[in-house]
Amino acid sequence: MKIVAICGVGLGTSGILKVNAERVLDRLGIDADVTATDVGSLSAAAADAQVILSSPELVERIGPTNADVIVVENYFDLDELERKLDEALG
């Protein structure tokens, strides 16, 4: 399974979201490849992704996709992330 975390530039917040998603996936016992990218490179990075993790501000910039888009309000709230990933993947 492939999950892509996005942010505006692809360095800061997407990296934080990637690390926290990996922690949550480990707790859930789900094996996935999580990558971080900027919204401009998303179409290439998420071509075969099952899930895209995004902030509310970037959702409209994602464009057409077959992936489930999960909007994360607080990148540091592991409980929120766990609930949303479990719902989407469980």
N, C-alpha and C. Protein backbone atom coordinates (compact mmCIF):
# COMPACT_ATOMS: atom_id res chain seq x y z
N MET A 1 0.84 -1.17 0.00
CA MET A 1 0.00 0.00 0.00
C MET A 1 0.89 1.24 0.00
N LYS A 2 0.45 2.25 -0.74
CA LYS A 2 1.21 3.48 -0.82
C LYS A 2 0.36 4.64 -0.30
N ILE A 3 0.97 5.43 0.57
CA ILE A 3 0.33 6.62 1.14
C ILE A 3 1.24 7.81 0.87
N VAL A 4 0.64 8.91 0.43
CA VAL A 4 1.42 10.12 0.15
C VAL A 4 0.93 11.24 1.06
N ALA A 5 1.87 11.86 1.77
CA ALA A 5 1.59 13.03 2.61
C ALA A 5 2.04 14.26 1.84
N ILE A 6 1.17 15.27 1.78
CA ILE A 6 1.52 16.45 1.00
C ILE A 6 1.52 17.72 1.85
N CYS A 7 2.29 18.69 1.37
CA CYS A 7 2.26 20.05 1.89
C CYS A 7 2.62 20.98 0.74
N GLY A 8 2.67 22.24 1.02
CA GLY A 8 2.91 23.21 -0.04
C GLY A 8 4.27 23.09 -0.69
N VAL A 9 5.31 22.82 0.09
CA VAL A 9 6.67 22.78 -0.42
C VAL A 9 7.25 21.36 -0.43
N GLY A 10 6.72 20.47 0.37
CA GLY A 10 7.19 19.09 0.39
C GLY A 10 8.30 18.81 1.37
N LEU A 11 8.56 19.73 2.28
CA LEU A 11 9.66 19.53 3.22
C LEU A 11 9.20 19.44 4.67
N GLY A 12 8.54 20.45 5.15
CA GLY A 12 8.23 20.54 6.58
C GLY A 12 7.04 19.73 7.03
N THR A 13 5.86 20.24 6.77
CA THR A 13 4.68 19.59 7.33
C THR A 13 4.41 18.23 6.73
N SER A 14 4.74 18.02 5.48
CA SER A 14 4.53 16.68 4.91
C SER A 14 5.48 15.68 5.55
N GLY A 15 6.67 16.11 5.92
CA GLY A 15 7.61 15.24 6.62
C GLY A 15 7.11 14.87 8.00
N ILE A 16 6.55 15.83 8.70
CA ILE A 16 5.97 15.56 10.02
C ILE A 16 4.80 14.60 9.89
N LEU A 17 3.95 14.85 8.92
CA LEU A 17 2.79 13.99 8.70
C LEU A 17 3.23 12.58 8.31
N LYS A 18 4.27 12.46 7.51
CA LYS A 18 4.80 11.15 7.11
C LYS A 18 5.25 10.35 8.32
N VAL A 19 6.05 10.97 9.18
CA VAL A 19 6.56 10.29 10.37
C VAL A 19 5.41 9.88 11.29
N ASN A 20 4.46 10.77 11.51
CA ASN A 20 3.34 10.45 12.39
C ASN A 20 2.44 9.38 11.78
N ALA A 21 2.27 9.41 10.47
CA ALA A 21 1.47 8.36 9.81
C ALA A 21 2.16 7.01 9.97
N GLU A 22 3.48 6.97 9.85
CA GLU A 22 4.21 5.72 10.03
C GLU A 22 4.04 5.18 11.44
N ARG A 23 4.05 6.07 12.43
CA ARG A 23 3.83 5.66 13.82
C ARG A 23 2.44 5.05 13.99
N VAL A 24 1.45 5.72 13.44
CA VAL A 24 0.06 5.26 13.56
C VAL A 24 -0.13 3.94 12.82
N LEU A 25 0.41 3.83 11.63
CA LEU A 25 0.28 2.59 10.86
C LEU A 25 0.93 1.43 11.60
N ASP A 26 2.04 1.69 12.27
CA ASP A 26 2.70 0.66 13.06
C ASP A 26 1.78 0.21 14.20
N ARG A 27 1.14 1.17 14.87
CA ARG A 27 0.19 0.83 15.94
C ARG A 27 -0.98 0.01 15.42
N LEU A 28 -1.42 0.33 14.18
CA LEU A 28 -2.55 -0.38 13.59
C LEU A 28 -2.15 -1.71 12.95
N GLY A 29 -0.85 -1.95 12.85
CA GLY A 29 -0.38 -3.17 12.23
C GLY A 29 -0.57 -3.20 10.73
N ILE A 30 -0.50 -2.02 10.11
CA ILE A 30 -0.68 -1.90 8.66
C ILE A 30 0.67 -1.59 8.01
N ASP A 31 1.03 -2.40 7.02
CA ASP A 31 2.27 -2.20 6.30
C ASP A 31 2.01 -1.28 5.11
N ALA A 32 2.70 -0.15 5.06
CA ALA A 32 2.50 0.80 3.96
C ALA A 32 3.79 1.56 3.71
N ASP A 33 3.95 2.00 2.48
CA ASP A 33 5.05 2.87 2.08
C ASP A 33 4.52 4.29 2.12
N VAL A 34 5.04 5.11 3.04
CA VAL A 34 4.58 6.48 3.19
C VAL A 34 5.65 7.41 2.64
N THR A 35 5.25 8.29 1.73
CA THR A 35 6.19 9.26 1.18
C THR A 35 5.66 10.67 1.41
N ALA A 36 6.55 11.63 1.38
CA ALA A 36 6.20 13.04 1.53
C ALA A 36 6.54 13.77 0.24
N THR A 37 5.66 14.67 -0.18
CA THR A 37 5.90 15.43 -1.40
C THR A 37 5.18 16.76 -1.34
N ASP A 38 5.51 17.62 -2.29
CA ASP A 38 4.81 18.89 -2.40
C ASP A 38 3.59 18.72 -3.31
N VAL A 39 2.65 19.61 -3.19
CA VAL A 39 1.41 19.50 -3.94
C VAL A 39 1.65 19.59 -5.44
N GLY A 40 2.68 20.30 -5.87
CA GLY A 40 2.99 20.41 -7.28
C GLY A 40 3.48 19.12 -7.91
N SER A 41 4.09 18.26 -7.12
CA SER A 41 4.60 16.98 -7.60
C SER A 41 3.65 15.82 -7.30
N LEU A 42 2.48 16.13 -6.81
CA LEU A 42 1.57 15.10 -6.34
C LEU A 42 1.13 14.13 -7.43
N SER A 43 0.82 14.61 -8.61
CA SER A 43 0.30 13.71 -9.64
C SER A 43 1.27 12.58 -9.95
N ALA A 44 2.56 12.87 -9.97
CA ALA A 44 3.55 11.82 -10.22
C ALA A 44 3.74 10.94 -8.98
N ALA A 45 3.81 11.56 -7.81
CA ALA A 45 4.07 10.82 -6.58
C ALA A 45 2.89 9.94 -6.17
N ALA A 46 1.68 10.37 -6.50
CA ALA A 46 0.49 9.65 -6.05
C ALA A 46 -0.21 8.86 -7.15
N ALA A 47 0.46 8.65 -8.25
CA ALA A 47 -0.17 7.94 -9.38
C ALA A 47 -0.69 6.57 -8.97
N ASP A 48 0.03 5.88 -8.08
CA ASP A 48 -0.39 4.55 -7.64
C ASP A 48 -0.71 4.51 -6.15
N ALA A 49 -0.98 5.67 -5.56
CA ALA A 49 -1.26 5.73 -4.12
C ALA A 49 -2.70 5.35 -3.83
N GLN A 50 -2.89 4.73 -2.68
CA GLN A 50 -4.23 4.41 -2.22
C GLN A 50 -4.79 5.51 -1.33
N VAL A 51 -3.89 6.27 -0.67
CA VAL A 51 -4.31 7.32 0.27
C VAL A 51 -3.43 8.54 0.08
N ILE A 52 -4.06 9.72 0.15
CA ILE A 52 -3.34 10.99 0.17
C ILE A 52 -3.72 11.68 1.48
N LEU A 53 -2.71 12.08 2.25
CA LEU A 53 -2.92 12.82 3.49
C LEU A 53 -2.67 14.29 3.21
N SER A 54 -3.63 15.13 3.60
CA SER A 54 -3.55 16.55 3.25
C SER A 54 -4.08 17.42 4.37
N SER A 55 -3.64 18.67 4.36
CA SER A 55 -4.25 19.68 5.23
C SER A 55 -5.49 20.20 4.52
N PRO A 56 -6.42 20.81 5.25
CA PRO A 56 -7.65 21.34 4.62
C PRO A 56 -7.36 22.36 3.51
N GLU A 57 -6.29 23.14 3.65
CA GLU A 57 -5.98 24.19 2.68
C GLU A 57 -5.58 23.66 1.32
N LEU A 58 -5.07 22.43 1.27
CA LEU A 58 -4.55 21.91 0.00
C LEU A 58 -5.51 20.97 -0.73
N VAL A 59 -6.62 20.63 -0.13
CA VAL A 59 -7.53 19.64 -0.72
C VAL A 59 -7.96 20.03 -2.12
N GLU A 60 -8.33 21.27 -2.32
CA GLU A 60 -8.81 21.69 -3.65
C GLU A 60 -7.72 21.70 -4.70
N ARG A 61 -6.46 21.64 -4.29
CA ARG A 61 -5.35 21.62 -5.25
C ARG A 61 -4.92 20.21 -5.64
N ILE A 62 -5.55 19.19 -5.04
CA ILE A 62 -5.16 17.81 -5.31
C ILE A 62 -5.55 17.38 -6.72
N GLY A 63 -6.69 17.76 -7.17
CA GLY A 63 -7.12 17.38 -8.51
C GLY A 63 -7.70 15.97 -8.54
N PRO A 64 -7.98 15.48 -9.75
CA PRO A 64 -8.58 14.15 -9.89
C PRO A 64 -7.63 13.05 -9.39
N THR A 65 -8.18 12.11 -8.64
CA THR A 65 -7.38 11.01 -8.11
C THR A 65 -8.28 9.82 -7.77
N ASN A 66 -7.71 8.64 -7.82
CA ASN A 66 -8.42 7.44 -7.39
C ASN A 66 -8.13 7.13 -5.93
N ALA A 67 -7.21 7.87 -5.33
CA ALA A 67 -6.84 7.65 -3.93
C ALA A 67 -7.89 8.24 -3.00
N ASP A 68 -7.97 7.67 -1.80
CA ASP A 68 -8.79 8.26 -0.75
C ASP A 68 -8.02 9.46 -0.21
N VAL A 69 -8.69 10.59 -0.10
CA VAL A 69 -8.07 11.79 0.44
C VAL A 69 -8.50 11.93 1.90
N ILE A 70 -7.52 11.94 2.78
CA ILE A 70 -7.78 12.11 4.21
C ILE A 70 -7.31 13.49 4.61
N VAL A 71 -8.23 14.30 5.11
CA VAL A 71 -7.90 15.64 5.56
C VAL A 71 -7.54 15.59 7.04
N VAL A 72 -6.34 16.03 7.35
CA VAL A 72 -5.84 16.01 8.71
C VAL A 72 -5.81 17.44 9.24
N GLU A 73 -6.56 17.68 10.30
CA GLU A 73 -6.64 19.02 10.90
C GLU A 73 -5.39 19.35 11.72
N ASN A 74 -4.92 18.36 12.50
CA ASN A 74 -3.79 18.58 13.39
C ASN A 74 -2.75 17.49 13.15
N TYR A 75 -1.66 17.83 12.52
CA TYR A 75 -0.63 16.86 12.15
C TYR A 75 0.02 16.19 13.36
N PHE A 76 -0.11 16.80 14.53
CA PHE A 76 0.51 16.26 15.74
C PHE A 76 -0.44 15.42 16.57
N ASP A 77 -1.71 15.37 16.20
CA ASP A 77 -2.72 14.60 16.93
C ASP A 77 -2.76 13.17 16.39
N LEU A 78 -2.00 12.28 17.04
CA LEU A 78 -1.92 10.91 16.57
C LEU A 78 -3.26 10.19 16.69
N ASP A 79 -4.08 10.58 17.65
CA ASP A 79 -5.40 9.96 17.79
C ASP A 79 -6.29 10.30 16.59
N GLU A 80 -6.26 11.55 16.16
CA GLU A 80 -7.03 11.95 14.97
C GLU A 80 -6.54 11.18 13.75
N LEU A 81 -5.25 11.13 13.57
CA LEU A 81 -4.68 10.44 12.42
C LEU A 81 -5.00 8.94 12.47
N GLU A 82 -4.91 8.35 13.64
CA GLU A 82 -5.22 6.93 13.78
C GLU A 82 -6.68 6.66 13.44
N ARG A 83 -7.57 7.47 13.96
CA ARG A 83 -9.00 7.31 13.70
C ARG A 83 -9.30 7.40 12.20
N LYS A 84 -8.72 8.38 11.54
CA LYS A 84 -9.00 8.60 10.12
C LYS A 84 -8.36 7.52 9.24
N LEU A 85 -7.15 7.11 9.55
CA LEU A 85 -6.51 6.04 8.78
C LEU A 85 -7.22 4.70 9.00
N ASP A 86 -7.60 4.43 10.23
CA ASP A 86 -8.30 3.19 10.53
C ASP A 86 -9.64 3.14 9.79
N GLU A 87 -10.33 4.26 9.76
CA GLU A 87 -11.61 4.33 9.05
C GLU A 87 -11.42 4.12 7.54
N ALA A 88 -10.40 4.73 6.99
CA ALA A 88 -10.16 4.62 5.54
C ALA A 88 -9.61 3.26 5.13
N LEU A 89 -8.78 2.67 5.98
CA LEU A 89 -8.09 1.43 5.60
C LEU A 89 -8.67 0.18 6.25
N GLY A 90 -9.43 0.38 7.32
CA GLY A 90 -9.94 -0.77 8.08
C GLY A 90 -11.16 -1.35 7.54
